[in-house]
């Protein structure tokens, strides 16, 4: 063999050895990326429909084995390189999409794992007091909110090395009235009660000056993991309107129990009016008050209140900032709502005729906010809110929405929190992809007789508030409907 031939063969051998090394590196990359992708598919129940997940996993494993064989045997090196490059890119895209969904779900779950209440020491706006170190005592409703008040006092003692005596009173409302009357120089205020005081004292916050704040953070009980694979479960949907963190404790103006039966593809939405006069456990000390006030003791108090009222177990909850949540409607391309009462909204002066209406987020906002133009006021507003939520669910369970899952979840941002794990969410999505059928969404609401000033409020004992005494027969029918939906007999 001539020198030039040997030189050419050596170059060719080195070139092929170089390709073998490159292929080995890409095989390692593919193994890592593909392995993580497979892990996400299995752990979080992605694409568990019509054996799509099995096909993807089997294909990735098969390609790995074939690539390994070709590399060891030093065959088809260029083809192996191209195959590994394409597979690494495809696995990388799959890993990115699943990882993004996991991160978003983790964020929704994380904000649902705790609640926040801002506790403050306030004085009259024109007071010369500027610091808590100038105080010897404050007025606060210890019997109603002792744990949060104690947490505030302990923080003041730690940060300011100051021990302040707490003089108890019946409520935050009573404390505020004593403060404004000049009977006391300072009081404790909880951000959860802001909206309650605004009902009785318009622009009450303009009369106050905050001289110290402390944020109390409390952990919320995690859901039972055994619920993930069940065919039916209940979700509590709490609609709020609060500024700042979605985890902030506040009243719940919308209270809906969503009963889901995956086997029958049915959803039942049960609305309980915010003014319903119910027994509130936990921070409500099992006293009677309007349902919306349960929210000021935390979402768990609202959940336990409704569990006791309907004799059910609520497995998950979703807490929604209603104003920002409606932006989801635009991401879904609008919704269709059946309107049974013609009215003109005070927000934007929009007209809503009877019939099927196509709505964007602006129209939906005016639709769910209106009560003054409706025949039954707040009752009809609650029904309209349920209609919009049902329309959103109907659109969310369509195949088009599921394929746009990442953009939709991203669009929710900080307007929603839920303790429902990603595995359960994906189970619902897989149901839709498997059958192609949307969930049948039905709704019901409990009703009663309303009165003003006749029933006492535990949170606002001196206020004359509108309350709704629930009709027992209506309540029993609602309980039965939930039970039958859970059992699949309805």
Protein backbone atom coordinates (compact mmCIF):
# COMPACT_ATOMS: atom_id res chain seq x y z
CA UNK A 1 0.00 0.00 0.00
CA UNK A 2 1.38 3.37 -0.96
CA UNK A 3 2.09 6.09 1.63
CA UNK A 4 -0.70 8.32 0.32
CA UNK A 5 -3.25 5.48 0.60
CA UNK A 6 -2.24 4.72 4.20
CA UNK A 7 -2.47 8.43 5.05
CA UNK A 8 -5.95 8.66 3.53
CA UNK A 9 -7.09 5.57 5.48
CA UNK A 10 -5.69 6.97 8.75
CA UNK A 11 -7.55 10.24 8.21
CA UNK A 12 -10.72 8.32 7.44
CA UNK A 13 -10.31 6.20 10.60
CA UNK A 14 -9.70 9.29 12.74
CA UNK A 15 -12.75 10.94 11.20
CA UNK A 16 -14.90 7.91 12.03
CA UNK A 17 -13.46 7.74 15.55
CA UNK A 18 -14.31 11.41 15.96
CA UNK A 19 -17.91 10.74 14.89
CA UNK A 20 -18.11 7.84 17.34
CA UNK A 21 -17.04 10.20 20.13
CA UNK A 22 -19.58 12.83 19.10
CA UNK A 23 -22.29 10.18 18.92
CA UNK A 24 -21.39 8.97 22.42
CA UNK A 25 -21.75 12.52 23.75
CA UNK A 26 -25.12 12.97 22.07
CA UNK A 27 -26.24 9.59 23.39
CA UNK A 28 -25.41 10.77 26.90
CA UNK A 29 -27.32 14.04 26.32
CA UNK A 30 -30.28 12.13 24.89
CA UNK A 31 -30.21 9.74 27.86
CA UNK A 32 -30.34 12.59 30.38
CA UNK A 33 -32.95 14.71 28.59
CA UNK A 34 -35.07 11.75 27.50
CA UNK A 35 -34.85 10.19 30.96
CA UNK A 36 -36.09 13.37 32.63
CA UNK A 37 -38.87 13.66 30.05
CA UNK A 38 -39.98 10.07 30.75
CA UNK A 39 -39.84 10.74 34.49
CA UNK A 40 -42.17 13.75 34.13
CA UNK A 41 -44.58 11.78 31.95
CA UNK A 42 -44.85 8.98 34.50
CA UNK A 43 -44.85 11.04 37.70
CA UNK A 44 -47.32 13.73 36.63
CA UNK A 45 -49.63 11.68 34.40
CA UNK A 46 -48.90 13.54 31.16
CA UNK A 47 -50.58 12.22 27.98
CA UNK A 48 -51.98 9.17 29.76
CA UNK A 49 -54.54 8.69 27.03
CA UNK A 50 -54.92 6.06 24.30
CA UNK A 51 -51.45 4.72 25.19
CA UNK A 52 -49.80 7.88 23.87
CA UNK A 53 -47.53 8.05 26.93
CA UNK A 54 -46.60 4.36 26.53
CA UNK A 55 -45.84 4.83 22.82
CA UNK A 56 -43.63 7.86 23.53
CA UNK A 57 -41.72 6.11 26.33
CA UNK A 58 -41.30 2.87 24.32
CA UNK A 59 -40.09 4.82 21.27
CA UNK A 60 -37.50 6.76 23.27
CA UNK A 61 -36.19 3.56 24.89
CA UNK A 62 -36.09 1.77 21.51
CA UNK A 63 -34.16 4.61 19.87
CA UNK A 64 -31.73 4.61 22.79
CA UNK A 65 -31.05 0.87 22.40
CA UNK A 66 -30.66 1.15 18.61
CA UNK A 67 -28.31 4.14 18.94
CA UNK A 68 -26.22 2.36 21.56
CA UNK A 69 -25.95 -0.73 19.34
CA UNK A 70 -24.85 1.33 16.31
CA UNK A 71 -22.26 3.22 18.36
CA UNK A 72 -20.78 0.05 19.86
CA UNK A 73 -20.68 -1.64 16.43
CA UNK A 74 -19.38 1.60 14.83
CA UNK A 75 -21.99 1.47 12.10
CA UNK A 76 -24.04 4.13 10.30
CA UNK A 77 -22.22 6.85 12.23
CA UNK A 78 -23.60 9.80 10.28
CA UNK A 79 -27.15 8.43 10.43
CA UNK A 80 -26.73 7.80 14.18
CA UNK A 81 -25.54 11.38 14.67
CA UNK A 82 -28.56 12.82 12.84
CA UNK A 83 -30.97 10.54 14.71
CA UNK A 84 -29.52 11.41 18.14
CA UNK A 85 -29.52 15.12 17.31
CA UNK A 86 -33.19 15.08 16.33
CA UNK A 87 -34.17 12.91 19.30
CA UNK A 88 -32.32 15.16 21.74
CA UNK A 89 -34.12 18.22 20.35
CA UNK A 90 -37.52 16.49 20.48
CA UNK A 91 -36.92 15.24 24.04
CA UNK A 92 -35.71 18.71 25.03
CA UNK A 93 -38.92 20.30 23.76
CA UNK A 94 -40.99 17.70 25.62
CA UNK A 95 -38.98 18.25 28.79
CA UNK A 96 -39.38 22.03 28.51
CA UNK A 97 -43.16 21.83 28.06
CA UNK A 98 -43.71 19.38 30.92
CA UNK A 99 -41.31 21.25 33.18
CA UNK A 100 -43.09 24.55 32.47
CA UNK A 101 -46.45 23.00 33.39
CA UNK A 102 -44.93 21.55 36.57
CA UNK A 103 -43.45 24.92 37.59
CA UNK A 104 -46.74 26.74 37.04
CA UNK A 105 -48.66 24.08 38.97
CA UNK A 106 -46.13 24.24 41.79
CA UNK A 107 -46.63 28.01 41.95
CA UNK A 108 -50.41 27.64 42.16
CA UNK A 109 -50.00 24.98 44.86
CA UNK A 110 -47.37 26.95 46.76
CA UNK A 111 -49.53 30.07 47.16
CA UNK A 112 -52.38 27.77 48.30
CA UNK A 113 -50.23 26.26 51.04
CA UNK A 114 -50.32 29.37 53.22
CA UNK A 115 -52.40 32.44 54.03
CA UNK A 116 -51.34 35.99 54.87
CA UNK A 117 -52.93 38.56 57.15
CA UNK A 118 -51.48 42.04 57.65
CA UNK A 119 -51.90 43.06 61.27
CA UNK A 120 -51.42 46.75 62.09
CA UNK A 121 -51.44 49.24 64.91
CA UNK A 122 -53.39 52.32 63.85
CA UNK A 123 -54.14 55.72 65.38
CA UNK A 124 -56.42 58.59 64.31
CA UNK A 125 -55.13 60.38 61.23
CA UNK A 126 -54.42 63.63 63.11
CA UNK A 127 -52.77 61.87 66.08
CA UNK A 128 -49.33 63.03 67.20
CA UNK A 129 -48.34 59.42 67.87
CA UNK A 130 -45.92 58.21 65.18
CA UNK A 131 -44.37 55.09 66.71
CA UNK A 132 -45.61 52.13 68.77
CA UNK A 133 -42.91 52.84 71.35
CA UNK A 134 -45.06 55.81 72.40
CA UNK A 135 -47.94 53.48 73.36
CA UNK A 136 -48.65 51.68 76.61
CA UNK A 137 -51.88 49.97 75.49
CA UNK A 138 -54.06 49.32 72.46
CA UNK A 139 -57.67 48.32 71.91
CA UNK A 140 -58.35 44.98 70.15
CA UNK A 141 -61.01 42.20 69.96
CA UNK A 142 -59.04 39.43 71.66
CA UNK A 143 -61.96 37.00 71.78
CA UNK A 144 -62.44 37.21 68.01
CA UNK A 145 -58.85 37.27 66.76
CA UNK A 146 -56.51 36.37 69.63
CA UNK A 147 -53.86 34.37 67.72
CA UNK A 148 -53.22 37.11 65.15
CA UNK A 149 -53.24 39.88 67.76
CA UNK A 150 -50.81 37.93 69.96
CA UNK A 151 -48.52 37.42 66.96
CA UNK A 152 -48.50 41.18 66.35
CA UNK A 153 -47.76 41.99 69.99
CA UNK A 154 -44.93 39.43 70.11
CA UNK A 155 -43.37 40.94 66.98
CA UNK A 156 -43.54 44.44 68.52
CA UNK A 157 -41.86 43.10 71.66
CA UNK A 158 -39.10 41.48 69.56
CA UNK A 159 -38.51 44.34 67.13
CA UNK A 160 -39.11 47.32 69.41
CA UNK A 161 -38.36 45.79 72.83
CA UNK A 162 -41.70 47.17 73.91
CA UNK A 163 -44.50 45.36 75.75
CA UNK A 164 -47.92 46.83 74.99
CA UNK A 165 -50.99 45.91 77.02
CA UNK A 166 -54.07 44.85 75.05
CA UNK A 167 -57.46 46.05 76.21
CA UNK A 168 -60.17 43.82 74.79
CA UNK A 169 -63.38 44.90 73.04
CA UNK A 170 -66.24 43.14 71.22
CA UNK A 171 -65.09 43.65 67.63
CA UNK A 172 -62.87 45.62 65.28
CA UNK A 173 -65.92 47.75 64.54
CA UNK A 174 -66.31 48.64 68.23
CA UNK A 175 -62.59 49.38 68.47
CA UNK A 176 -62.76 51.69 65.45
CA UNK A 177 -65.75 53.61 66.82
CA UNK A 178 -64.01 54.06 70.18
CA UNK A 179 -60.88 55.29 68.41
CA UNK A 180 -62.71 57.83 66.26
CA UNK A 181 -64.72 59.02 69.27
CA UNK A 182 -61.44 59.85 71.01
CA UNK A 183 -61.99 57.28 73.76
CA UNK A 184 -58.80 55.42 72.88
CA UNK A 185 -55.50 56.51 71.35
CA UNK A 186 -54.67 53.35 69.32
CA UNK A 187 -56.15 50.06 68.14
CA UNK A 188 -55.14 46.87 66.38
CA UNK A 189 -56.46 46.38 62.85
CA UNK A 190 -56.57 43.24 60.71
CA UNK A 191 -56.51 43.55 56.91
CA UNK A 192 -59.08 40.72 56.72
CA UNK A 193 -61.68 43.01 58.31
CA UNK A 194 -61.07 46.02 56.03
CA UNK A 195 -63.95 45.20 53.72
CA UNK A 196 -66.30 44.63 56.66
CA UNK A 197 -65.65 48.05 58.17
CA UNK A 198 -66.02 49.70 54.77
CA UNK A 199 -69.61 48.42 54.65
CA UNK A 200 -70.54 50.37 57.76
CA UNK A 201 -68.02 53.22 57.66
CA UNK A 202 -67.46 54.59 54.16
CA UNK A 203 -63.82 55.48 53.52
CA UNK A 204 -63.01 54.53 57.09
CA UNK A 205 -59.32 54.02 56.25
CA UNK A 206 -58.97 57.74 55.42
CA UNK A 207 -59.47 58.46 59.11
CA UNK A 208 -56.58 56.23 60.20
CA UNK A 209 -52.79 56.37 60.30
CA UNK A 210 -50.77 53.15 60.41
CA UNK A 211 -47.74 53.22 62.69
CA UNK A 212 -46.75 49.53 62.68
CA UNK A 213 -47.46 46.46 60.53
CA UNK A 214 -46.66 42.78 60.73
CA UNK A 215 -47.62 40.06 58.25
CA UNK A 216 -48.88 36.86 59.86
CA UNK A 217 -48.29 33.78 57.68
CA UNK A 218 -50.12 30.53 58.43
CA UNK A 219 -49.78 27.12 56.80
CA UNK A 220 -52.88 25.55 55.22
CA UNK A 221 -53.57 21.84 55.48
CA UNK A 222 -52.59 19.86 52.38
CA UNK A 223 -55.24 17.80 50.54
CA UNK A 224 -55.49 14.05 50.99
CA UNK A 225 -53.23 12.48 48.36
CA UNK A 226 -55.53 9.46 48.05
CA UNK A 227 -58.13 11.61 46.24
CA UNK A 228 -55.95 11.88 43.11
CA UNK A 229 -57.20 8.67 41.50
CA UNK A 230 -60.86 8.80 42.56
CA UNK A 231 -63.68 9.13 40.05
CA UNK A 232 -65.50 11.94 41.88
CA UNK A 233 -64.56 14.77 44.20
CA UNK A 234 -65.64 18.22 45.40
CA UNK A 235 -63.80 21.50 44.79
CA UNK A 236 -64.57 24.69 46.69
CA UNK A 237 -64.34 27.76 44.45
CA UNK A 238 -63.91 30.97 46.40
CA UNK A 239 -64.27 34.22 44.50
CA UNK A 240 -62.55 37.22 46.06
CA UNK A 241 -61.61 40.74 45.07
CA UNK A 242 -58.49 41.76 46.89
CA UNK A 243 -55.38 43.76 46.06
CA UNK A 244 -51.89 42.40 46.64
CA UNK A 245 -51.07 38.73 47.18
CA UNK A 246 -53.64 36.11 46.21
CA UNK A 247 -52.81 34.47 49.57
CA UNK A 248 -54.19 37.45 51.51
CA UNK A 249 -57.09 36.53 53.80
CA UNK A 250 -60.35 38.28 52.84
CA UNK A 251 -64.11 37.84 52.51
CA UNK A 252 -65.35 35.37 49.94
CA UNK A 253 -68.04 36.95 47.76
CA UNK A 254 -68.49 33.90 45.52
CA UNK A 255 -68.91 30.47 47.13
CA UNK A 256 -69.36 27.55 44.77
CA UNK A 257 -68.97 23.82 45.31
CA UNK A 258 -67.89 22.12 42.09
CA UNK A 259 -68.78 18.43 42.19
CA UNK A 260 -66.86 16.53 39.51
CA UNK A 261 -67.60 12.99 38.36
CA UNK A 262 -64.94 11.84 35.89
CA UNK A 263 -66.74 8.59 35.13
CA UNK A 264 -70.01 10.21 34.03
CA UNK A 265 -68.34 13.38 32.67
CA UNK A 266 -70.61 15.56 34.77
CA UNK A 267 -69.99 18.70 36.81
CA UNK A 268 -72.48 20.18 39.28
CA UNK A 269 -72.00 23.76 40.46
CA UNK A 270 -73.73 24.52 43.76
CA UNK A 271 -73.86 28.18 44.71
CA UNK A 272 -74.43 29.29 48.28
CA UNK A 273 -75.33 33.01 48.60
CA UNK A 274 -72.71 35.16 50.30
CA UNK A 275 -75.39 36.43 52.72
CA UNK A 276 -76.51 32.95 53.80
CA UNK A 277 -76.85 32.80 57.59
CA UNK A 278 -74.74 29.80 58.56
CA UNK A 279 -72.76 28.42 61.46
CA UNK A 280 -69.05 29.21 61.04
CA UNK A 281 -66.47 26.99 62.78
CA UNK A 282 -62.77 27.68 63.48
CA UNK A 283 -62.26 31.43 63.94
CA UNK A 284 -66.04 31.91 63.86
CA UNK A 285 -66.32 29.95 67.15
CA UNK A 286 -69.28 27.97 65.71
CA UNK A 287 -71.42 31.11 65.86
CA UNK A 288 -73.92 32.11 63.17
CA UNK A 289 -72.97 34.78 60.66
CA UNK A 290 -73.20 35.49 56.95
CA UNK A 291 -71.17 33.05 54.82
CA UNK A 292 -68.93 35.70 53.28
CA UNK A 293 -67.54 36.45 56.77
CA UNK A 294 -66.12 32.90 57.00
CA UNK A 295 -63.41 34.03 54.60
CA UNK A 296 -61.92 36.46 57.13
CA UNK A 297 -60.88 33.47 59.26
CA UNK A 298 -59.12 31.85 56.31
CA UNK A 299 -60.14 29.62 53.42
CA UNK A 300 -60.24 26.58 55.72
CA UNK A 301 -63.06 28.18 57.73
CA UNK A 302 -65.09 28.61 54.53
CA UNK A 303 -64.39 25.00 53.55
CA UNK A 304 -65.40 23.63 56.95
CA UNK A 305 -68.54 25.80 56.96
CA UNK A 306 -69.73 24.37 53.63
CA UNK A 307 -68.72 20.83 54.55
CA UNK A 308 -70.92 21.05 57.63
CA UNK A 309 -73.76 22.71 55.74
CA UNK A 310 -73.95 20.10 52.96
CA UNK A 311 -72.65 17.04 54.87
CA UNK A 312 -69.85 16.47 52.35
CA UNK A 313 -66.07 16.29 52.13
CA UNK A 314 -64.42 19.04 50.11
CA UNK A 315 -61.24 17.61 48.61
CA UNK A 316 -59.67 20.65 46.93
CA UNK A 317 -60.13 24.37 46.70
CA UNK A 318 -59.45 27.07 44.13
CA UNK A 319 -59.32 30.67 45.28
CA UNK A 320 -59.87 33.16 42.51
CA UNK A 321 -59.33 36.89 42.31
CA UNK A 322 -62.45 37.33 40.21
CA UNK A 323 -61.50 40.57 38.45
CA UNK A 324 -58.18 39.30 37.07
CA UNK A 325 -59.49 35.77 36.56
CA UNK A 326 -61.92 37.05 33.95
CA UNK A 327 -58.94 37.85 31.74
CA UNK A 328 -58.84 34.12 31.11
CA UNK A 329 -61.93 34.56 28.94
CA UNK A 330 -59.90 36.42 26.29
CA UNK A 331 -57.26 33.64 26.31
CA UNK A 332 -60.08 31.18 25.64
CA UNK A 333 -61.35 33.27 22.73
CA UNK A 334 -64.51 34.40 24.53
CA UNK A 335 -67.40 32.49 26.10
CA UNK A 336 -71.11 31.97 25.41
CA UNK A 337 -73.60 32.65 28.21
CA UNK A 338 -77.37 32.16 28.26
CA UNK A 339 -78.91 35.31 29.77
CA UNK A 340 -82.48 34.99 31.04
CA UNK A 341 -83.00 38.59 32.22
CA UNK A 342 -82.49 41.73 30.14
CA UNK A 343 -80.64 44.55 31.92
CA UNK A 344 -78.23 47.43 31.47
CA UNK A 345 -75.13 47.31 33.65
CA UNK A 346 -73.96 50.25 35.73
CA UNK A 347 -70.41 49.35 34.70
CA UNK A 348 -69.86 50.72 31.20
CA UNK A 349 -73.59 51.02 30.51
CA UNK A 350 -73.56 47.73 28.58
CA UNK A 351 -76.86 46.21 27.44
CA UNK A 352 -77.46 42.50 28.05
CA UNK A 353 -80.55 41.24 26.16
CA UNK A 354 -82.20 37.88 26.79
CA UNK A 355 -80.64 34.97 24.91
CA UNK A 356 -77.23 33.50 24.12
CA UNK A 357 -74.54 36.15 24.41
CA UNK A 358 -70.93 36.05 23.22
CA UNK A 359 -68.73 37.74 25.84
CA UNK A 360 -65.18 38.93 26.15
CA UNK A 361 -63.59 39.68 29.54
CA UNK A 362 -64.91 43.28 29.64
CA UNK A 363 -68.51 42.19 29.05
CA UNK A 364 -68.20 39.30 31.50
CA UNK A 365 -66.88 41.64 34.19
CA UNK A 366 -69.91 43.92 33.83
CA UNK A 367 -72.20 40.89 33.71
CA UNK A 368 -70.99 39.32 36.98
CA UNK A 369 -70.71 42.63 38.83
CA UNK A 370 -74.21 43.95 38.21
CA UNK A 371 -76.87 43.57 40.91
CA UNK A 372 -78.77 46.88 41.05
CA UNK A 373 -80.48 46.37 37.67
CA UNK A 374 -81.45 42.77 38.42
CA UNK A 375 -84.87 41.74 39.68
CA UNK A 376 -83.54 39.81 42.67
CA UNK A 377 -80.39 41.83 43.25
CA UNK A 378 -77.52 39.85 44.77
CA UNK A 379 -79.29 36.50 44.24
CA UNK A 380 -79.40 37.04 40.49
CA UNK A 381 -75.81 38.30 40.51
CA UNK A 382 -74.76 35.01 42.13
CA UNK A 383 -76.57 33.08 39.40
CA UNK A 384 -74.85 35.15 36.70
CA UNK A 385 -71.47 34.48 38.30
CA UNK A 386 -72.24 30.77 38.20
CA UNK A 387 -73.20 31.01 34.52
CA UNK A 388 -69.88 32.64 33.65
CA UNK A 389 -67.88 30.07 35.61
CA UNK A 390 -69.85 27.25 33.93
CA UNK A 391 -69.13 28.80 30.51
CA UNK A 392 -65.41 29.03 31.35
CA UNK A 393 -65.38 25.37 32.45
CA UNK A 394 -67.13 24.38 29.23
CA UNK A 395 -64.47 26.19 27.19
CA UNK A 396 -61.61 24.89 29.34
CA UNK A 397 -62.66 21.28 28.80
CA UNK A 398 -62.61 21.60 25.03
CA UNK A 399 -59.75 19.95 23.15
CA UNK A 400 -58.66 23.33 21.73
CA UNK A 401 -58.22 24.74 25.23
CA UNK A 402 -56.27 21.70 26.41
CA UNK A 403 -53.82 22.04 23.52
CA UNK A 404 -53.35 25.68 24.59
CA UNK A 405 -52.86 24.59 28.22
CA UNK A 406 -49.51 26.29 28.88
CA UNK A 407 -50.59 29.71 27.56
CA UNK A 408 -53.82 29.55 29.55
CA UNK A 409 -52.10 28.63 32.82
CA UNK A 410 -49.47 31.31 32.25
CA UNK A 411 -52.22 33.84 31.66
CA UNK A 412 -53.75 33.09 35.05
CA UNK A 413 -50.63 34.43 36.75
CA UNK A 414 -51.33 35.35 40.34
CA UNK A 415 -55.10 35.52 39.94
CA UNK A 416 -55.71 31.95 41.12
CA UNK A 417 -54.39 29.53 43.70
CA UNK A 418 -55.33 25.90 44.16
CA UNK A 419 -54.21 22.93 46.20
CA UNK A 420 -55.21 20.51 43.44
CA UNK A 421 -52.07 18.60 42.39
CA UNK A 422 -50.91 18.56 38.78
CA UNK A 423 -51.57 14.81 38.53
CA UNK A 424 -55.29 15.43 39.12
CA UNK A 425 -55.39 18.34 36.66
CA UNK A 426 -53.74 16.17 34.02
CA UNK A 427 -56.19 13.37 34.78
CA UNK A 428 -59.07 15.69 33.90
CA UNK A 429 -57.27 16.82 30.73
CA UNK A 430 -56.57 13.21 29.76
CA UNK A 431 -60.25 12.37 30.18
CA UNK A 432 -61.11 15.00 27.58
CA UNK A 433 -58.40 13.92 25.14
CA UNK A 434 -59.44 10.29 25.54
CA UNK A 435 -63.17 10.67 24.89
CA UNK A 436 -63.36 13.99 23.08
CA UNK A 437 -66.52 14.69 25.10
CA UNK A 438 -66.91 17.83 27.14
CA UNK A 439 -68.16 17.74 30.69
CA UNK A 440 -71.88 18.32 31.10
CA UNK A 441 -72.12 21.30 33.46
CA UNK A 442 -75.26 21.74 35.57
CA UNK A 443 -75.84 24.36 38.25
CA UNK A 444 -78.04 24.88 41.28
CA UNK A 445 -78.27 27.42 44.09
CA UNK A 446 -79.81 27.38 47.52
CA UNK A 447 -82.20 30.17 48.47
CA UNK A 448 -84.06 31.48 51.47
CA UNK A 449 -85.72 34.48 53.08
CA UNK A 450 -83.75 37.68 53.55
CA UNK A 451 -83.97 40.26 56.32
CA UNK A 452 -81.97 43.25 57.54
CA UNK A 453 -81.02 43.79 61.17
CA UNK A 454 -83.02 40.83 62.51
CA UNK A 455 -80.14 38.36 62.80
CA UNK A 456 -76.89 39.10 64.73
CA UNK A 457 -73.46 38.98 63.11
CA UNK A 458 -70.63 37.46 65.14
CA UNK A 459 -67.96 39.43 63.24
CA UNK A 460 -69.93 42.71 63.24
CA UNK A 461 -72.25 42.52 66.31
CA UNK A 462 -73.24 46.20 66.26
CA UNK A 463 -73.98 46.36 62.52
CA UNK A 464 -77.42 45.97 60.98
CA UNK A 465 -76.65 43.58 58.12
CA UNK A 466 -78.67 41.79 55.46
CA UNK A 467 -78.86 38.04 56.14
CA UNK A 468 -80.48 35.16 54.27
CA UNK A 469 -82.12 32.36 56.26
CA UNK A 470 -81.80 29.29 54.04
CA UNK A 471 -84.86 27.27 53.08
CA UNK A 472 -84.43 23.78 54.62
CA UNK A 473 -86.23 21.93 51.80
CA UNK A 474 -84.16 23.76 49.20
CA UNK A 475 -80.99 22.90 51.13
CA UNK A 476 -81.91 19.20 51.37
CA UNK A 477 -82.56 19.05 47.61
CA UNK A 478 -79.15 20.59 46.98
CA UNK A 479 -77.51 18.00 49.27
CA UNK A 480 -79.24 15.19 47.37
CA UNK A 481 -78.10 16.55 43.99
CA UNK A 482 -74.48 16.67 45.17
CA UNK A 483 -74.71 13.11 46.54
CA UNK A 484 -76.25 11.75 43.32
CA UNK A 485 -73.63 13.49 41.18
CA UNK A 486 -70.86 11.99 43.32
CA UNK A 487 -72.40 8.52 43.05
CA UNK A 488 -73.08 8.85 39.33
CA UNK A 489 -76.84 8.32 39.66
CA UNK A 490 -77.73 11.79 38.37
